[in-house]
Structure formats: structure tokens, C-alpha cells
């Protein structure tokens, strides 16, 4: 199980944004920490793959998570091309 989760959204300027959040268990030691997402924005799924591959956290994701992200980014890009709404599974 990865310690990260992702939120993929389409922006008004027809770009794809992906925010990578670190999943933190509810504990007193993590209560006061400010955890911010790492966000990427790209015009296509291919350029998003390149951006993600440059970041160190991407190497910590499981193969299943990477495959899921690829599928969702492809769906998001198709939504941009066909001017449709996008819903992440």
C-alpha cells in the first residue's frame, strides 16, 4: 500500500493538474505537521508523465499506482480533447 494518494483535475485553461498528497495516519506526533501536496500541471498526459518521472516521490509509488495514474491521465486528456467533463475513479 502506498503512502500517497492523487487528485487529478482539469483546469479552466484546458490543462491537467495532478496533486500528490502524503497519507498520514492519525497520531499525536503528526498532528501539528503542515503537509502540503506536490502539484503538477501539464497540457497532455505525455508531458505529465515526464514531469512525474523527474520527481523523487514518483519512484516510491507502486507499479499498480503508476498504472492507475497512467489510465486516469489518459482519460483526463481525452476529456480535454473532446471537451467533456472528467471524473476520477
PDB file of N, CA and C in Angstrom:
ATOM      1  N   UNK A   1       0.843  -1.179   0.000  1.00  0.00           N
ATOM      2  CA  UNK A   1       0.000   0.000   0.000  1.00  0.00           C
ATOM      3  C   UNK A   1       0.889   1.244   0.000  1.00  0.00           C
ATOM      4  N   UNK A   2       0.607   2.148  -0.905  1.00  0.00           N
ATOM      5  CA  UNK A   2       1.363   3.391  -0.978  1.00  0.00           C
ATOM      6  C   UNK A   2       0.943   4.336   0.138  1.00  0.00           C
ATOM      7  N   UNK A   3       1.846   5.210   0.491  1.00  0.00           N
ATOM      8  CA  UNK A   3       1.546   6.235   1.486  1.00  0.00           C
ATOM      9  C   UNK A   3       1.136   7.540   0.828  1.00  0.00           C
ATOM     10  N   UNK A   4       0.682   7.464  -0.411  1.00  0.00           N
ATOM     11  CA  UNK A   4       0.317   8.651  -1.173  1.00  0.00           C
ATOM     12  C   UNK A   4      -1.028   8.435  -1.852  1.00  0.00           C
ATOM     13  N   UNK A   5      -1.708   9.527  -2.110  1.00  0.00           N
ATOM     14  CA  UNK A   5      -2.885   9.463  -2.967  1.00  0.00           C
ATOM     15  C   UNK A   5      -2.870  10.679  -3.873  1.00  0.00           C
ATOM     16  N   UNK A   6      -3.560  10.571  -5.003  1.00  0.00           N
ATOM     17  CA  UNK A   6      -3.504  11.612  -6.036  1.00  0.00           C
ATOM     18  C   UNK A   6      -4.893  12.141  -6.341  1.00  0.00           C
ATOM     19  N   UNK A   7      -4.928  13.404  -6.677  1.00  0.00           N
ATOM     20  CA  UNK A   7      -6.149  14.054  -7.133  1.00  0.00           C
ATOM     21  C   UNK A   7      -5.858  14.647  -8.504  1.00  0.00           C
ATOM     22  N   UNK A   8      -6.623  14.207  -9.501  1.00  0.00           N
ATOM     23  CA  UNK A   8      -6.449  14.693 -10.869  1.00  0.00           C
ATOM     24  C   UNK A   8      -7.662  15.543 -11.216  1.00  0.00           C
ATOM     25  N   UNK A   9      -7.399  16.741 -11.742  1.00  0.00           N
ATOM     26  CA  UNK A   9      -8.482  17.650 -12.129  1.00  0.00           C
ATOM     27  C   UNK A   9      -8.136  18.332 -13.439  1.00  0.00           C
ATOM     28  N   UNK A  10      -9.184  18.767 -14.135  1.00  0.00           N
ATOM     29  CA  UNK A  10      -9.000  19.586 -15.330  1.00  0.00           C
ATOM     30  C   UNK A  10      -9.168  21.043 -14.941  1.00  0.00           C
ATOM     31  N   UNK A  11      -8.288  21.887 -15.422  1.00  0.00           N
ATOM     32  CA  UNK A  11      -8.351  23.316 -15.140  1.00  0.00           C
ATOM     33  C   UNK A  11      -9.152  24.026 -16.230  1.00  0.00           C
ATOM     34  N   UNK A  12      -9.566  25.237 -15.954  1.00  0.00           N
ATOM     35  CA  UNK A  12     -10.364  26.000 -16.922  1.00  0.00           C
ATOM     36  C   UNK A  12      -9.600  26.303 -18.203  1.00  0.00           C
ATOM     37  N   UNK A  13      -8.273  26.371 -18.110  1.00  0.00           N
ATOM     38  CA  UNK A  13      -7.477  26.656 -19.301  1.00  0.00           C
ATOM     39  C   UNK A  13      -7.103  25.381 -20.066  1.00  0.00           C
ATOM     40  N   UNK A  14      -7.869  24.314 -19.841  1.00  0.00           N
ATOM     41  CA  UNK A  14      -7.741  23.043 -20.552  1.00  0.00           C
ATOM     42  C   UNK A  14      -6.402  22.355 -20.284  1.00  0.00           C
ATOM     43  N   UNK A  15      -5.911  22.488 -19.072  1.00  0.00           N
ATOM     44  CA  UNK A  15      -4.721  21.760 -18.656  1.00  0.00           C
ATOM     45  C   UNK A  15      -5.114  20.732 -17.602  1.00  0.00           C
ATOM     46  N   UNK A  16      -4.233  19.777 -17.392  1.00  0.00           N
ATOM     47  CA  UNK A  16      -4.454  18.709 -16.419  1.00  0.00           C
ATOM     48  C   UNK A  16      -3.589  19.001 -15.197  1.00  0.00           C
ATOM     49  N   UNK A  17      -4.189  18.943 -14.027  1.00  0.00           N
ATOM     50  CA  UNK A  17      -3.397  19.109 -12.807  1.00  0.00           C
ATOM     51  C   UNK A  17      -3.485  17.831 -11.981  1.00  0.00           C
ATOM     52  N   UNK A  18      -2.373  17.477 -11.390  1.00  0.00           N
ATOM     53  CA  UNK A  18      -2.288  16.307 -10.527  1.00  0.00           C
ATOM     54  C   UNK A  18      -1.635  16.750  -9.229  1.00  0.00           C
ATOM     55  N   UNK A  19      -2.311  16.493  -8.116  1.00  0.00           N
ATOM     56  CA  UNK A  19      -1.756  16.812  -6.798  1.00  0.00           C
ATOM     57  C   UNK A  19      -1.509  15.507  -6.056  1.00  0.00           C
ATOM     58  N   UNK A  20      -0.292  15.351  -5.580  1.00  0.00           N
ATOM     59  CA  UNK A  20       0.135  14.151  -4.868  1.00  0.00           C
ATOM     60  C   UNK A  20       0.178  14.478  -3.377  1.00  0.00           C
ATOM     61  N   UNK A  21      -0.651  13.783  -2.608  1.00  0.00           N
ATOM     62  CA  UNK A  21      -0.758  14.003  -1.169  1.00  0.00           C
ATOM     63  C   UNK A  21      -0.104  12.848  -0.425  1.00  0.00           C
ATOM     64  N   UNK A  22       0.539  13.169   0.678  1.00  0.00           N
ATOM     65  CA  UNK A  22       1.084  12.124   1.535  1.00  0.00           C
ATOM     66  C   UNK A  22       0.011  11.731   2.539  1.00  0.00           C
ATOM     67  N   UNK A  23      -0.249  10.447   2.642  1.00  0.00           N
ATOM     68  CA  UNK A  23      -1.249   9.942   3.574  1.00  0.00           C
ATOM     69  C   UNK A  23      -0.602   9.786   4.944  1.00  0.00           C
ATOM     70  N   UNK A  24      -1.174  10.459   5.934  1.00  0.00           N
ATOM     71  CA  UNK A  24      -0.618  10.420   7.287  1.00  0.00           C
ATOM     72  C   UNK A  24      -1.647   9.794   8.215  1.00  0.00           C
ATOM     73  N   UNK A  25      -1.185   8.838   8.996  1.00  0.00           N
ATOM     74  CA  UNK A  25      -2.062   8.199   9.971  1.00  0.00           C
ATOM     75  C   UNK A  25      -2.402   9.196  11.069  1.00  0.00           C
ATOM     76  N   UNK A  26      -3.578   9.041  11.646  1.00  0.00           N
ATOM     77  CA  UNK A  26      -3.979   9.925  12.747  1.00  0.00           C
ATOM     78  C   UNK A  26      -3.191   9.560  14.004  1.00  0.00           C
ATOM     79  N   UNK A  27      -2.239  10.384  14.318  1.00  0.00           N
ATOM     80  CA  UNK A  27      -1.465  10.175  15.542  1.00  0.00           C
ATOM     81  C   UNK A  27      -1.055  11.530  16.103  1.00  0.00           C
ATOM     82  N   UNK A  28      -0.740  11.546  17.360  1.00  0.00           N
ATOM     83  CA  UNK A  28      -0.375  12.804  18.007  1.00  0.00           C
ATOM     84  C   UNK A  28       0.925  13.375  17.460  1.00  0.00           C
ATOM     85  N   UNK A  29       1.851  12.530  17.058  1.00  0.00           N
ATOM     86  CA  UNK A  29       3.139  13.032  16.563  1.00  0.00           C
ATOM     87  C   UNK A  29       3.001  13.754  15.230  1.00  0.00           C
ATOM     88  N   UNK A  30       1.984  13.434  14.447  1.00  0.00           N
ATOM     89  CA  UNK A  30       1.782  14.079  13.151  1.00  0.00           C
ATOM     90  C   UNK A  30       0.725  15.175  13.190  1.00  0.00           C
ATOM     91  N   UNK A  31       0.167  15.432  14.364  1.00  0.00           N
ATOM     92  CA  UNK A  31      -0.963  16.346  14.459  1.00  0.00           C
ATOM     93  C   UNK A  31      -0.608  17.773  14.056  1.00  0.00           C
ATOM     94  N   UNK A  32       0.541  18.257  14.459  1.00  0.00           N
ATOM     95  CA  UNK A  32       0.905  19.652  14.209  1.00  0.00           C
ATOM     96  C   UNK A  32       1.663  19.873  12.906  1.00  0.00           C
ATOM     97  N   UNK A  33       1.912  18.832  12.152  1.00  0.00           N
ATOM     98  CA  UNK A  33       2.674  18.986  10.914  1.00  0.00           C
ATOM     99  C   UNK A  33       1.789  19.561   9.814  1.00  0.00           C
ATOM    100  N   UNK A  34       2.325  20.509   9.088  1.00  0.00           N
ATOM    101  CA  UNK A  34       1.646  21.036   7.908  1.00  0.00           C
ATOM    102  C   UNK A  34       2.134  20.257   6.699  1.00  0.00           C
ATOM    103  N   UNK A  35       1.283  19.441   6.149  1.00  0.00           N
ATOM    104  CA  UNK A  35       1.641  18.631   4.994  1.00  0.00           C
ATOM    105  C   UNK A  35       0.953  19.228   3.774  1.00  0.00           C
ATOM    106  N   UNK A  36       1.743  19.608   2.807  1.00  0.00           N
ATOM    107  CA  UNK A  36       1.217  20.215   1.593  1.00  0.00           C
ATOM    108  C   UNK A  36       1.375  19.250   0.426  1.00  0.00           C
ATOM    109  N   UNK A  37       0.448  19.283  -0.523  1.00  0.00           N
ATOM    110  CA  UNK A  37       0.576  18.396  -1.685  1.00  0.00           C
ATOM    111  C   UNK A  37       1.667  18.892  -2.632  1.00  0.00           C
ATOM    112  N   UNK A  38       2.134  17.979  -3.445  1.00  0.00           N
ATOM    113  CA  UNK A  38       3.039  18.321  -4.541  1.00  0.00           C
ATOM    114  C   UNK A  38       2.180  18.321  -5.791  1.00  0.00           C
ATOM    115  N   UNK A  39       2.106  19.460  -6.478  1.00  0.00           N
ATOM    116  CA  UNK A  39       1.192  19.611  -7.605  1.00  0.00           C
ATOM    117  C   UNK A  39       1.951  19.783  -8.913  1.00  0.00           C
ATOM    118  N   UNK A  40       1.412  19.168  -9.956  1.00  0.00           N
ATOM    119  CA  UNK A  40       1.958  19.252 -11.303  1.00  0.00           C
ATOM    120  C   UNK A  40       0.847  19.710 -12.233  1.00  0.00           C
ATOM    121  N   UNK A  41       1.184  20.495 -13.239  1.00  0.00           N
ATOM    122  CA  UNK A  41       0.228  20.919 -14.254  1.00  0.00           C
ATOM    123  C   UNK A  41       0.864  20.735 -15.620  1.00  0.00           C
ATOM    124  N   UNK A  42       0.103  20.145 -16.546  1.00  0.00           N
ATOM    125  CA  UNK A  42       0.623  19.887 -17.887  1.00  0.00           C
ATOM    126  C   UNK A  42      -0.509  19.976 -18.900  1.00  0.00           C
ATOM    127  N   UNK A  43      -0.139  20.110 -20.166  1.00  0.00           N
ATOM    128  CA  UNK A  43      -1.142  20.231 -21.228  1.00  0.00           C
ATOM    129  C   UNK A  43      -1.539  18.875 -21.802  1.00  0.00           C
ATOM    130  N   UNK A  44      -0.771  17.821 -21.520  1.00  0.00           N
ATOM    131  CA  UNK A  44      -1.099  16.493 -22.039  1.00  0.00           C
ATOM    132  C   UNK A  44      -0.634  15.431 -21.049  1.00  0.00           C
ATOM    133  N   UNK A  45      -1.135  14.221 -21.244  1.00  0.00           N
ATOM    134  CA  UNK A  45      -0.721  13.115 -20.383  1.00  0.00           C
ATOM    135  C   UNK A  45       0.766  12.826 -20.567  1.00  0.00           C
ATOM    136  N   UNK A  46       1.265  12.908 -21.796  1.00  0.00           N
ATOM    137  CA  UNK A  46       2.688  12.647 -22.050  1.00  0.00           C
ATOM    138  C   UNK A  46       3.588  13.617 -21.301  1.00  0.00           C
ATOM    139  N   UNK A  47       3.255  14.895 -21.340  1.00  0.00           N
ATOM    140  CA  UNK A  47       4.086  15.866 -20.621  1.00  0.00           C
ATOM    141  C   UNK A  47       3.954  15.690 -19.109  1.00  0.00           C
ATOM    142  N   UNK A  48       2.794  15.220 -18.646  1.00  0.00           N
ATOM    143  CA  UNK A  48       2.628  14.938 -17.218  1.00  0.00           C
ATOM    144  C   UNK A  48       3.503  13.755 -16.809  1.00  0.00           C
ATOM    145  N   UNK A  49       3.586  12.711 -17.655  1.00  0.00           N
ATOM    146  CA  UNK A  49       4.445  11.567 -17.354  1.00  0.00           C
ATOM    147  C   UNK A  49       5.894  12.017 -17.183  1.00  0.00           C
ATOM    148  N   UNK A  50       6.343  12.914 -18.063  1.00  0.00           N
ATOM    149  CA  UNK A  50       7.725  13.410 -17.992  1.00  0.00           C
ATOM    150  C   UNK A  50       7.952  14.177 -16.694  1.00  0.00           C
ATOM    151  N   UNK A  51       7.002  15.047 -16.343  1.00  0.00           N
ATOM    152  CA  UNK A  51       7.125  15.803 -15.090  1.00  0.00           C
ATOM    153  C   UNK A  51       7.180  14.874 -13.877  1.00  0.00           C
ATOM    154  N   UNK A  52       6.277  13.896 -13.847  1.00  0.00           N
ATOM    155  CA  UNK A  52       6.219  12.983 -12.706  1.00  0.00           C
ATOM    156  C   UNK A  52       7.490  12.152 -12.582  1.00  0.00           C
ATOM    157  N   UNK A  53       8.031  11.717 -13.707  1.00  0.00           N
ATOM    158  CA  UNK A  53       9.219  10.862 -13.669  1.00  0.00           C
ATOM    159  C   UNK A  53      10.447  11.598 -13.138  1.00  0.00           C
ATOM    160  N   UNK A  54      10.439  12.923 -13.176  1.00  0.00           N
ATOM    161  CA  UNK A  54      11.569  13.718 -12.685  1.00  0.00           C
ATOM    162  C   UNK A  54      11.568  13.880 -11.163  1.00  0.00           C
ATOM    163  N   UNK A  55      10.460  13.574 -10.524  1.00  0.00           N
ATOM    164  CA  UNK A  55      10.346  13.786  -9.076  1.00  0.00           C
ATOM    165  C   UNK A  55      10.702  12.507  -8.312  1.00  0.00           C
ATOM    166  N   UNK A  56      11.367  12.669  -7.175  1.00  0.00           N
ATOM    167  CA  UNK A  56      11.795  11.519  -6.374  1.00  0.00           C
ATOM    168  C   UNK A  56      10.628  10.716  -5.805  1.00  0.00           C
ATOM    169  N   UNK A  57       9.537  11.371  -5.444  1.00  0.00           N
ATOM    170  CA  UNK A  57       8.402  10.646  -4.861  1.00  0.00           C
ATOM    171  C   UNK A  57       7.766   9.670  -5.842  1.00  0.00           C
ATOM    172  N   UNK A  58       7.895   9.947  -7.120  1.00  0.00           N
ATOM    173  CA  UNK A  58       7.306   9.059  -8.123  1.00  0.00           C
ATOM    174  C   UNK A  58       7.911   7.660  -8.030  1.00  0.00           C
ATOM    175  N   UNK A  59       9.166   7.576  -7.634  1.00  0.00           N
ATOM    176  CA  UNK A  59       9.852   6.287  -7.511  1.00  0.00           C
ATOM    177  C   UNK A  59       9.334   5.474  -6.325  1.00  0.00           C
ATOM    178  N   UNK A  60       8.634   6.120  -5.407  1.00  0.00           N
ATOM    179  CA  UNK A  60       8.101   5.428  -4.233  1.00  0.00           C
ATOM    180  C   UNK A  60       6.716   4.825  -4.481  1.00  0.00           C
ATOM    181  N   UNK A  61       6.105   5.137  -5.612  1.00  0.00           N
ATOM    182  CA  UNK A  61       4.769   4.614  -5.909  1.00  0.00           C
ATOM    183  C   UNK A  61       4.861   3.178  -6.395  1.00  0.00           C
ATOM    184  N   UNK A  62       3.862   2.384  -6.067  1.00  0.00           N
ATOM    185  CA  UNK A  62       3.824   1.001  -6.530  1.00  0.00           C
ATOM    186  C   UNK A  62       3.502   0.955  -8.021  1.00  0.00           C
ATOM    187  N   UNK A  63       3.795  -0.171  -8.638  1.00  0.00           N
ATOM    188  CA  UNK A  63       3.505  -0.355 -10.061  1.00  0.00           C
ATOM    189  C   UNK A  63       2.010  -0.199 -10.321  1.00  0.00           C
ATOM    190  N   UNK A  64       1.181  -0.757  -9.446  1.00  0.00           N
ATOM    191  CA  UNK A  64      -0.269  -0.634  -9.620  1.00  0.00           C
ATOM    192  C   UNK A  64      -0.717   0.819  -9.578  1.00  0.00           C
ATOM    193  N   UNK A  65      -0.119   1.602  -8.694  1.00  0.00           N
ATOM    194  CA  UNK A  65      -0.490   3.013  -8.578  1.00  0.00           C
ATOM    195  C   UNK A  65      -0.052   3.781  -9.824  1.00  0.00           C
ATOM    196  N   UNK A  66       1.129   3.475 -10.333  1.00  0.00           N
ATOM    197  CA  UNK A  66       1.623   4.135 -11.544  1.00  0.00           C
ATOM    198  C   UNK A  66       0.728   3.794 -12.736  1.00  0.00           C
ATOM    199  N   UNK A  67       0.327   2.528 -12.857  1.00  0.00           N
ATOM    200  CA  UNK A  67      -0.569   2.127 -13.950  1.00  0.00           C
ATOM    201  C   UNK A  67      -1.926   2.817 -13.830  1.00  0.00           C
ATOM    202  N   UNK A  68      -2.437   2.916 -12.615  1.00  0.00           N
ATOM    203  CA  UNK A  68      -3.699   3.621 -12.384  1.00  0.00           C
ATOM    204  C   UNK A  68      -3.585   5.085 -12.797  1.00  0.00           C
ATOM    205  N   UNK A  69      -2.484   5.744 -12.412  1.00  0.00           N
ATOM    206  CA  UNK A  69      -2.287   7.146 -12.784  1.00  0.00           C
ATOM    207  C   UNK A  69      -2.222   7.310 -14.297  1.00  0.00           C
ATOM    208  N   UNK A  70      -1.545   6.388 -14.972  1.00  0.00           N
ATOM    209  CA  UNK A  70      -1.479   6.447 -16.429  1.00  0.00           C
ATOM    210  C   UNK A  70      -2.859   6.358 -17.055  1.00  0.00           C
ATOM    211  N   UNK A  71      -3.681   5.462 -16.553  1.00  0.00           N
ATOM    212  CA  UNK A  71      -5.048   5.303 -17.062  1.00  0.00           C
ATOM    213  C   UNK A  71      -5.866   6.570 -16.821  1.00  0.00           C
ATOM    214  N   UNK A  72      -5.779   7.121 -15.623  1.00  0.00           N
ATOM    215  CA  UNK A  72      -6.559   8.315 -15.294  1.00  0.00           C
ATOM    216  C   UNK A  72      -6.073   9.543 -16.066  1.00  0.00           C
ATOM    217  N   UNK A  73      -4.769   9.677 -16.254  1.00  0.00           N
ATOM    218  CA  UNK A  73      -4.248  10.810 -17.026  1.00  0.00           C
ATOM    219  C   UNK A  73      -4.679  10.718 -18.484  1.00  0.00           C
ATOM    220  N   UNK A  74      -4.719   9.501 -19.021  1.00  0.00           N
ATOM    221  CA  UNK A  74      -5.191   9.308 -20.392  1.00  0.00           C
ATOM    222  C   UNK A  74      -6.664   9.705 -20.505  1.00  0.00           C
ATOM    223  N   UNK A  75      -7.486   9.292 -19.529  1.00  0.00           N
ATOM    224  CA  UNK A  75      -8.897   9.686 -19.525  1.00  0.00           C
ATOM    225  C   UNK A  75      -9.047  11.198 -19.426  1.00  0.00           C
ATOM    226  N   UNK A  76      -8.221  11.822 -18.604  1.00  0.00           N
ATOM    227  CA  UNK A  76      -8.284  13.277 -18.453  1.00  0.00           C
ATOM    228  C   UNK A  76      -7.921  13.971 -19.762  1.00  0.00           C
ATOM    229  N   UNK A  77      -6.898  13.464 -20.448  1.00  0.00           N
ATOM    230  CA  UNK A  77      -6.506  14.062 -21.725  1.00  0.00           C
ATOM    231  C   UNK A  77      -7.611  13.908 -22.773  1.00  0.00           C
ATOM    232  N   UNK A  78      -8.259  12.753 -22.808  1.00  0.00           N
ATOM    233  CA  UNK A  78      -9.382  12.563 -23.735  1.00  0.00           C
ATOM    234  C   UNK A  78     -10.525  13.518 -23.409  1.00  0.00           C
ATOM    235  N   UNK A  79     -10.760  13.764 -22.140  1.00  0.00           N
ATOM    236  CA  UNK A  79     -11.801  14.713 -21.742  1.00  0.00           C
ATOM    237  C   UNK A  79     -11.485  16.118 -22.231  1.00  0.00           C
ATOM    238  N   UNK A  80     -10.211  16.494 -22.195  1.00  0.00           N
ATOM    239  CA  UNK A  80      -9.807  17.806 -22.709  1.00  0.00           C
ATOM    240  C   UNK A  80     -10.015  17.859 -24.220  1.00  0.00           C
ATOM    241  N   UNK A  81      -9.590  16.812 -24.920  1.00  0.00           N
ATOM    242  CA  UNK A  81      -9.690  16.784 -26.387  1.00  0.00           C
ATOM    243  C   UNK A  81     -11.140  16.865 -26.838  1.00  0.00           C
ATOM    244  N   UNK A  82     -12.022  16.094 -26.185  1.00  0.00           N
ATOM    245  CA  UNK A  82     -13.422  16.037 -26.599  1.00  0.00           C
ATOM    246  C   UNK A  82     -14.309  17.030 -25.850  1.00  0.00           C
ATOM    247  N   UNK A  83     -13.691  17.901 -25.056  1.00  0.00           N
ATOM    248  CA  UNK A  83     -14.411  18.946 -24.329  1.00  0.00           C
ATOM    249  C   UNK A  83     -15.522  18.358 -23.448  1.00  0.00           C
ATOM    250  N   UNK A  84     -15.164  17.323 -22.696  1.00  0.00           N
ATOM    251  CA  UNK A  84     -16.108  16.670 -21.800  1.00  0.00           C
ATOM    252  C   UNK A  84     -15.634  16.834 -20.357  1.00  0.00           C
ATOM    253  N   UNK A  85     -16.541  16.572 -19.439  1.00  0.00           N
ATOM    254  CA  UNK A  85     -16.150  16.628 -18.030  1.00  0.00           C
ATOM    255  C   UNK A  85     -15.371  15.361 -17.678  1.00  0.00           C
ATOM    256  N   UNK A  86     -14.577  15.460 -16.645  1.00  0.00           N
ATOM    257  CA  UNK A  86     -13.742  14.334 -16.216  1.00  0.00           C
ATOM    258  C   UNK A  86     -14.071  14.001 -14.772  1.00  0.00           C
ATOM    259  N   UNK A  87     -14.245  12.707 -14.497  1.00  0.00           N
ATOM    260  CA  UNK A  87     -14.472  12.226 -13.136  1.00  0.00           C
ATOM    261  C   UNK A  87     -13.432  11.158 -12.856  1.00  0.00           C
ATOM    262  N   UNK A  88     -12.661  11.353 -11.800  1.00  0.00           N
ATOM    263  CA  UNK A  88     -11.624  10.389 -11.440  1.00  0.00           C
ATOM    264  C   UNK A  88     -12.257   9.195 -10.748  1.00  0.00           C
ATOM    265  N   UNK A  89     -11.847   7.986 -11.132  1.00  0.00           N
ATOM    266  CA  UNK A  89     -12.336   6.756 -10.484  1.00  0.00           C
ATOM    267  C   UNK A  89     -11.578   6.483  -9.225  1.00  0.00           C
TER     268      UNK A  89
END
